């Protein structure tokens, strides 16, 4: 009988971004996500996929003071991280919610949020067009969308995945490099090329920042950060 390989799922079973070199990578990533939001009127934020690493944790005190409500949309298995955030006195004046992504249509208000944040999430989402367009209805007409996407399968991204394999094997229990590649393939079901084509189709203006080398070439960068306004929807 042929059975599907049961690759390790340890990667997202702990707060791994807080305990290794990925912590630095994610902080840099989120600092660029913040860029462009200073002095904007955002008090209600929705973060799609903030369970493993919440963007709120990277915001400075002045930005946090502007926020009234913060909604994290993710799988319930990441709620343990949310519980830690709720206990943090730094966010005592913010109404913070964790919403099961399967229940957003019956829970969230339409035309309600000033900003959508998403970091390394949409590459995982099935039926990406349907789900992304569904997220738009919860945003105000002049809302901001700040989205980070990995440059996978770009050359630099794949090379770095090869370099970090010893680290991945030690921390996440991969038996061999083939197993890691299988796991990565299951996780990143939407390529950067397809995602950019989708966003560029639905919005007349999409600002893209490529990191770490800033040149607009996917193969020479690790991530792309998209800055979009809902009002630019076609």
Protein backbone atom coordinates (compact mmCIF):
# COMPACT_ATOMS: atom_id res chain seq x y z
CA UNK A 1 0.00 0.00 0.00
CA UNK A 2 1.35 3.43 -0.92
CA UNK A 3 1.22 6.00 1.91
CA UNK A 4 2.14 9.66 1.98
CA UNK A 5 5.34 10.48 3.84
CA UNK A 6 4.78 11.91 7.33
CA UNK A 7 7.32 14.70 7.37
CA UNK A 8 7.98 16.42 10.70
CA UNK A 9 5.67 19.27 11.71
CA UNK A 10 7.86 20.50 14.59
CA UNK A 11 8.61 23.72 12.73
CA UNK A 12 5.40 25.45 13.81
CA UNK A 13 4.82 23.70 17.13
CA UNK A 14 6.83 26.19 19.19
CA UNK A 15 7.84 29.83 19.16
CA UNK A 16 10.81 29.02 16.94
CA UNK A 17 11.19 32.60 15.68
CA UNK A 18 12.14 33.67 19.21
CA UNK A 19 14.92 31.15 19.77
CA UNK A 20 17.33 31.24 16.84
CA UNK A 21 18.76 33.25 13.95
CA UNK A 22 15.31 33.48 12.36
CA UNK A 23 14.42 35.95 15.12
CA UNK A 24 16.78 38.51 13.56
CA UNK A 25 15.47 37.80 10.06
CA UNK A 26 11.85 38.24 11.15
CA UNK A 27 12.53 41.49 13.04
CA UNK A 28 14.16 43.01 9.98
CA UNK A 29 11.27 41.78 7.87
CA UNK A 30 8.67 43.31 10.18
CA UNK A 31 10.53 46.60 10.53
CA UNK A 32 10.18 47.09 6.77
CA UNK A 33 6.50 46.13 7.01
CA UNK A 34 6.09 49.07 9.40
CA UNK A 35 7.68 51.47 6.94
CA UNK A 36 5.09 53.76 5.40
CA UNK A 37 2.57 53.46 8.25
CA UNK A 38 4.07 56.23 10.38
CA UNK A 39 1.71 59.19 10.83
CA UNK A 40 -1.12 57.30 9.10
CA UNK A 41 -4.51 57.01 10.76
CA UNK A 42 -4.63 53.33 11.66
CA UNK A 43 -6.42 52.26 14.80
CA UNK A 44 -7.89 48.92 13.71
CA UNK A 45 -5.52 46.30 12.28
CA UNK A 46 -6.10 42.81 10.96
CA UNK A 47 -3.09 40.50 10.69
CA UNK A 48 -3.52 37.47 8.47
CA UNK A 49 -1.36 34.65 9.77
CA UNK A 50 0.13 36.32 12.85
CA UNK A 51 0.03 33.27 15.08
CA UNK A 52 3.66 32.17 14.89
CA UNK A 53 5.09 35.70 15.02
CA UNK A 54 2.78 38.64 15.66
CA UNK A 55 3.61 41.93 13.93
CA UNK A 56 2.35 43.85 16.97
CA UNK A 57 5.44 42.72 18.88
CA UNK A 58 7.74 44.65 16.53
CA UNK A 59 5.88 47.97 16.66
CA UNK A 60 7.24 50.88 18.68
CA UNK A 61 5.44 52.53 21.58
CA UNK A 62 4.15 55.47 19.51
CA UNK A 63 2.62 53.16 16.91
CA UNK A 64 1.12 50.93 19.58
CA UNK A 65 -0.49 53.97 21.22
CA UNK A 66 -2.48 54.60 18.03
CA UNK A 67 -3.99 51.13 17.92
CA UNK A 68 -7.38 50.46 19.46
CA UNK A 69 -8.13 46.98 18.09
CA UNK A 70 -5.83 44.26 16.75
CA UNK A 71 -7.15 41.04 15.21
CA UNK A 72 -4.96 38.01 14.52
CA UNK A 73 -6.39 35.61 11.92
CA UNK A 74 -4.83 32.16 11.97
CA UNK A 75 -5.21 28.47 12.68
CA UNK A 76 -6.28 27.71 16.25
CA UNK A 77 -3.12 25.64 16.82
CA UNK A 78 -1.18 28.93 17.14
CA UNK A 79 -3.38 30.39 19.85
CA UNK A 80 -0.84 29.54 22.56
CA UNK A 81 1.29 32.43 21.28
CA UNK A 82 -1.70 34.77 21.38
CA UNK A 83 -2.25 33.97 25.04
CA UNK A 84 1.28 35.19 25.82
CA UNK A 85 0.66 38.46 23.96
CA UNK A 86 -2.56 39.06 25.88
CA UNK A 87 -0.64 38.87 29.16
CA UNK A 88 1.89 41.50 28.07
CA UNK A 89 1.23 44.81 29.84
CA UNK A 90 2.69 46.63 26.83
CA UNK A 91 -0.61 46.03 25.03
CA UNK A 92 -2.96 46.64 27.95
CA UNK A 93 -4.79 49.46 26.15
CA UNK A 94 -5.40 47.44 22.97
CA UNK A 95 -8.37 45.20 22.37
CA UNK A 96 -6.67 42.08 20.98
CA UNK A 97 -8.53 39.17 19.39
CA UNK A 98 -7.54 35.82 17.92
CA UNK A 99 -9.95 34.60 15.23
CA UNK A 100 -10.05 31.15 13.68
CA UNK A 101 -9.44 31.74 9.97
CA UNK A 102 -12.35 29.41 9.19
CA UNK A 103 -14.78 31.71 11.01
CA UNK A 104 -13.84 35.17 9.71
CA UNK A 105 -16.98 35.60 7.57
CA UNK A 106 -19.23 35.14 10.58
CA UNK A 107 -17.00 37.09 13.00
CA UNK A 108 -15.41 40.12 11.33
CA UNK A 109 -17.15 43.33 10.32
CA UNK A 110 -17.11 44.57 6.73
CA UNK A 111 -15.36 47.85 5.88
CA UNK A 112 -13.95 48.00 9.40
CA UNK A 113 -10.14 47.77 9.38
CA UNK A 114 -7.62 50.49 8.52
CA UNK A 115 -4.77 48.13 7.71
CA UNK A 116 -4.08 44.52 6.75
CA UNK A 117 -0.71 43.05 7.70
CA UNK A 118 0.47 39.70 6.39
CA UNK A 119 3.96 38.28 6.77
CA UNK A 120 4.89 34.98 5.09
CA UNK A 121 1.32 33.76 4.95
CA UNK A 122 -0.20 33.98 1.47
CA UNK A 123 2.31 31.50 0.05
CA UNK A 124 0.59 28.91 2.30
CA UNK A 125 -3.03 29.73 1.46
CA UNK A 126 -5.12 27.39 -0.67
CA UNK A 127 -7.42 29.00 -3.24
CA UNK A 128 -5.38 32.17 -2.84
CA UNK A 129 -7.47 34.41 -5.10
CA UNK A 130 -10.76 33.53 -3.43
CA UNK A 131 -9.38 33.90 0.08
CA UNK A 132 -7.43 37.09 -0.53
CA UNK A 133 -10.35 38.84 -2.23
CA UNK A 134 -12.52 37.76 0.67
CA UNK A 135 -10.13 39.51 3.08
CA UNK A 136 -10.56 42.79 1.21
CA UNK A 137 -14.21 43.16 2.19
CA UNK A 138 -13.20 43.66 5.83
CA UNK A 139 -11.06 46.69 4.96
CA UNK A 140 -12.06 50.33 4.69
CA UNK A 141 -11.84 51.88 1.24
CA UNK A 142 -8.62 53.79 2.04
CA UNK A 143 -7.02 50.91 3.97
CA UNK A 144 -3.37 49.95 3.67
CA UNK A 145 -2.15 46.44 2.84
CA UNK A 146 1.43 45.56 3.80
CA UNK A 147 2.37 42.04 2.73
CA UNK A 148 5.62 40.07 2.89
CA UNK A 149 6.21 37.18 0.50
CA UNK A 150 9.26 34.88 0.32
CA UNK A 151 11.12 34.88 -3.00
CA UNK A 152 10.55 31.16 -3.36
CA UNK A 153 11.58 29.50 -5.72
CA UNK A 154 14.18 32.17 -6.54
CA UNK A 155 17.83 31.16 -6.74
CA UNK A 156 18.96 32.98 -3.56
CA UNK A 157 16.02 31.60 -1.59
CA UNK A 158 16.78 28.03 -2.63
CA UNK A 159 20.50 28.48 -1.97
CA UNK A 160 19.83 29.77 1.55
CA UNK A 161 17.47 26.87 2.23
CA UNK A 162 20.35 24.55 1.37
CA UNK A 163 22.72 26.45 3.67
CA UNK A 164 20.39 26.30 6.68
CA UNK A 165 19.68 22.58 6.28
CA UNK A 166 22.08 21.54 9.13
CA UNK A 167 20.25 23.99 11.40
CA UNK A 168 16.86 22.66 10.24
CA UNK A 169 17.91 19.06 10.71
CA UNK A 170 19.09 19.71 14.26
CA UNK A 171 16.12 21.77 15.41
CA UNK A 172 13.20 20.34 13.46
CA UNK A 173 14.09 16.69 13.05
CA UNK A 174 14.42 16.31 9.28
CA UNK A 175 16.00 12.97 8.42
CA UNK A 176 17.64 14.22 5.24
CA UNK A 177 17.63 17.14 2.80
CA UNK A 178 15.07 15.45 0.56
CA UNK A 179 12.65 15.41 3.48
CA UNK A 180 13.16 19.13 4.09
CA UNK A 181 12.50 19.90 0.42
CA UNK A 182 9.32 17.83 0.55
CA UNK A 183 8.15 19.70 3.63
CA UNK A 184 8.94 23.08 2.05
CA UNK A 185 7.03 22.09 -1.09
CA UNK A 186 3.95 21.24 0.96
CA UNK A 187 4.14 24.51 2.88
CA UNK A 188 4.76 26.97 0.04
CA UNK A 189 2.03 26.02 -2.37
CA UNK A 190 1.98 29.45 -4.08
CA UNK A 191 5.16 30.64 -5.80
CA UNK A 192 6.32 34.25 -5.63
CA UNK A 193 5.80 34.55 -9.39
CA UNK A 194 2.15 33.54 -9.21
CA UNK A 195 1.45 35.67 -6.15
CA UNK A 196 2.93 38.81 -7.70
CA UNK A 197 0.93 38.22 -10.87
CA UNK A 198 -2.26 37.99 -8.82
CA UNK A 199 -1.63 41.15 -6.78
CA UNK A 200 -0.52 43.14 -9.82
CA UNK A 201 -3.64 42.08 -11.69
CA UNK A 202 -6.11 43.22 -9.04
CA UNK A 203 -4.42 46.52 -8.13
CA UNK A 204 -3.41 49.29 -10.50
CA UNK A 205 -0.52 50.25 -8.23
CA UNK A 206 1.67 47.87 -6.19
CA UNK A 207 4.87 49.11 -4.58
CA UNK A 208 7.39 46.31 -4.08
CA UNK A 209 10.52 46.40 -1.94
CA UNK A 210 12.99 43.57 -2.49
CA UNK A 211 15.34 42.46 0.31
CA UNK A 212 18.18 42.18 1.06
CA UNK A 213 19.66 43.64 -2.15
CA UNK A 214 16.83 46.01 -3.18
CA UNK A 215 17.20 45.28 -6.90
CA UNK A 216 13.86 44.19 -8.47
CA UNK A 217 15.06 40.69 -9.33
CA UNK A 218 13.47 37.76 -7.52
CA UNK A 219 16.47 35.44 -7.95
CA UNK A 220 18.74 37.92 -6.13
CA UNK A 221 16.56 38.46 -3.05
CA UNK A 222 14.99 36.55 -0.16
CA UNK A 223 11.74 38.43 0.39
CA UNK A 224 9.50 40.96 -1.29
CA UNK A 225 7.39 43.45 0.66
CA UNK A 226 4.26 44.75 -1.04
CA UNK A 227 2.65 48.09 -0.15
CA UNK A 228 -0.91 48.39 -1.53
CA UNK A 229 -3.96 50.61 -1.00
CA UNK A 230 -7.42 49.10 -1.23
CA UNK A 231 -8.61 52.14 -3.18
CA UNK A 232 -6.29 51.03 -6.03
CA UNK A 233 -8.32 47.88 -6.58
CA UNK A 234 -9.31 47.66 -10.25
